[in-house]
Amino acid sequence: MDILIVVCSCFAPTPSLASMIVNHFKMRTDVLSHNLAGMGCSGGVVALDMAKQFLQARARPWVLVSSRQGWAAHQAMAERC
């Protein structure tokens, strides 16, 4: 894989989810990783557009987009209040 784009609608940990994935799966050190967090539902669309631009700009890259939308936990917390 050449490029990793990780999207999470409302969770922004440090270190980023992208770097956690790169380290956990022992990916190459030259993997270009991007972490999009806190963008809500639009983050997935932005990530797909980024992937499209990378695919057009580079010669045959491998791009992985990982998207996690997690509003259910916030909904459960709101119901408790």
Protein backbone atom coordinates (compact mmCIF):
# COMPACT_ATOMS: atom_id res chain seq x y z
CA MET A 1 0.00 0.00 0.00
CA ASP A 2 1.24 3.47 -0.83
CA ILE A 3 -1.37 5.74 0.79
CA LEU A 4 -3.55 5.33 3.88
CA ILE A 5 -6.45 7.71 4.60
CA VAL A 6 -8.26 7.22 7.92
CA VAL A 7 -11.49 9.04 8.73
CA CYS A 8 -13.24 9.19 12.08
CA SER A 9 -16.20 11.52 12.44
CA CYS A 10 -15.79 12.51 16.07
CA PHE A 11 -12.78 10.79 17.66
CA ALA A 12 -9.32 12.38 17.40
CA PRO A 13 -6.78 10.44 19.50
CA THR A 14 -3.10 11.17 19.88
CA PRO A 15 -1.27 9.47 18.22
CA SER A 16 -3.60 9.51 15.22
CA LEU A 17 -5.58 6.47 14.13
CA ALA A 18 -3.60 6.46 10.88
CA SER A 19 -0.27 6.12 12.71
CA MET A 20 -1.74 3.44 15.00
CA ILE A 21 -2.80 1.42 11.94
CA VAL A 22 0.59 1.85 10.24
CA ASN A 23 2.41 0.70 13.39
CA HIS A 24 0.00 -2.12 14.31
CA PHE A 25 0.11 -3.72 10.86
CA LYS A 26 3.85 -3.02 10.44
CA MET A 27 3.35 -1.19 7.15
CA ARG A 28 6.28 0.19 5.21
CA THR A 29 7.87 3.34 6.56
CA ASP A 30 7.25 5.22 3.31
CA VAL A 31 3.44 4.85 3.48
CA LEU A 32 1.85 8.27 3.10
CA SER A 33 -0.82 8.47 5.82
CA HIS A 34 -3.53 11.05 6.38
CA ASN A 35 -5.83 11.29 9.37
CA LEU A 36 -9.15 13.16 9.04
CA ALA A 37 -10.95 13.61 12.34
CA GLY A 38 -13.78 15.72 13.66
CA MET A 39 -15.28 16.46 10.25
CA GLY A 40 -18.59 14.73 10.88
CA CYS A 41 -20.26 12.85 8.07
CA SER A 42 -18.46 14.89 5.41
CA GLY A 43 -15.12 13.31 6.31
CA GLY A 44 -15.82 10.19 4.24
CA VAL A 45 -16.57 12.25 1.14
CA VAL A 46 -13.42 14.32 1.65
CA ALA A 47 -11.37 11.11 2.02
CA LEU A 48 -12.77 9.66 -1.20
CA ASP A 49 -11.94 12.88 -3.04
CA MET A 50 -8.39 12.80 -1.62
CA ALA A 51 -8.03 9.17 -2.76
CA LYS A 52 -9.26 10.11 -6.25
CA GLN A 53 -6.70 12.93 -6.46
CA PHE A 54 -3.88 10.62 -5.34
CA LEU A 55 -4.92 8.01 -7.90
CA GLN A 56 -4.88 10.61 -10.66
CA ALA A 57 -1.56 12.17 -9.60
CA ARG A 58 0.55 9.04 -9.11
CA ALA A 59 1.39 6.10 -11.32
CA ARG A 60 -0.67 3.11 -10.13
CA PRO A 61 -0.74 3.75 -6.36
CA TRP A 62 -2.47 1.55 -3.82
CA VAL A 63 -4.82 3.62 -1.67
CA LEU A 64 -6.72 2.41 1.40
CA VAL A 65 -9.54 4.52 2.85
CA SER A 66 -10.75 3.49 6.29
CA SER A 67 -13.81 5.32 7.57
CA ARG A 68 -15.47 5.03 10.95
CA GLN A 69 -18.63 6.94 11.68
CA GLY A 70 -19.47 6.75 15.36
CA TRP A 71 -22.51 8.73 16.30
CA ALA A 72 -24.22 5.90 18.21
CA ALA A 73 -22.03 6.35 21.29
CA HIS A 74 -22.84 10.05 21.39
CA GLN A 75 -26.53 9.27 21.04
CA ALA A 76 -26.36 6.87 23.99
CA MET A 77 -24.56 9.46 26.11
CA ALA A 78 -27.15 12.10 25.20
CA GLU A 79 -29.98 9.80 26.26
CA ARG A 80 -28.41 9.37 29.70
CA CYS A 81 -28.29 13.11 30.37
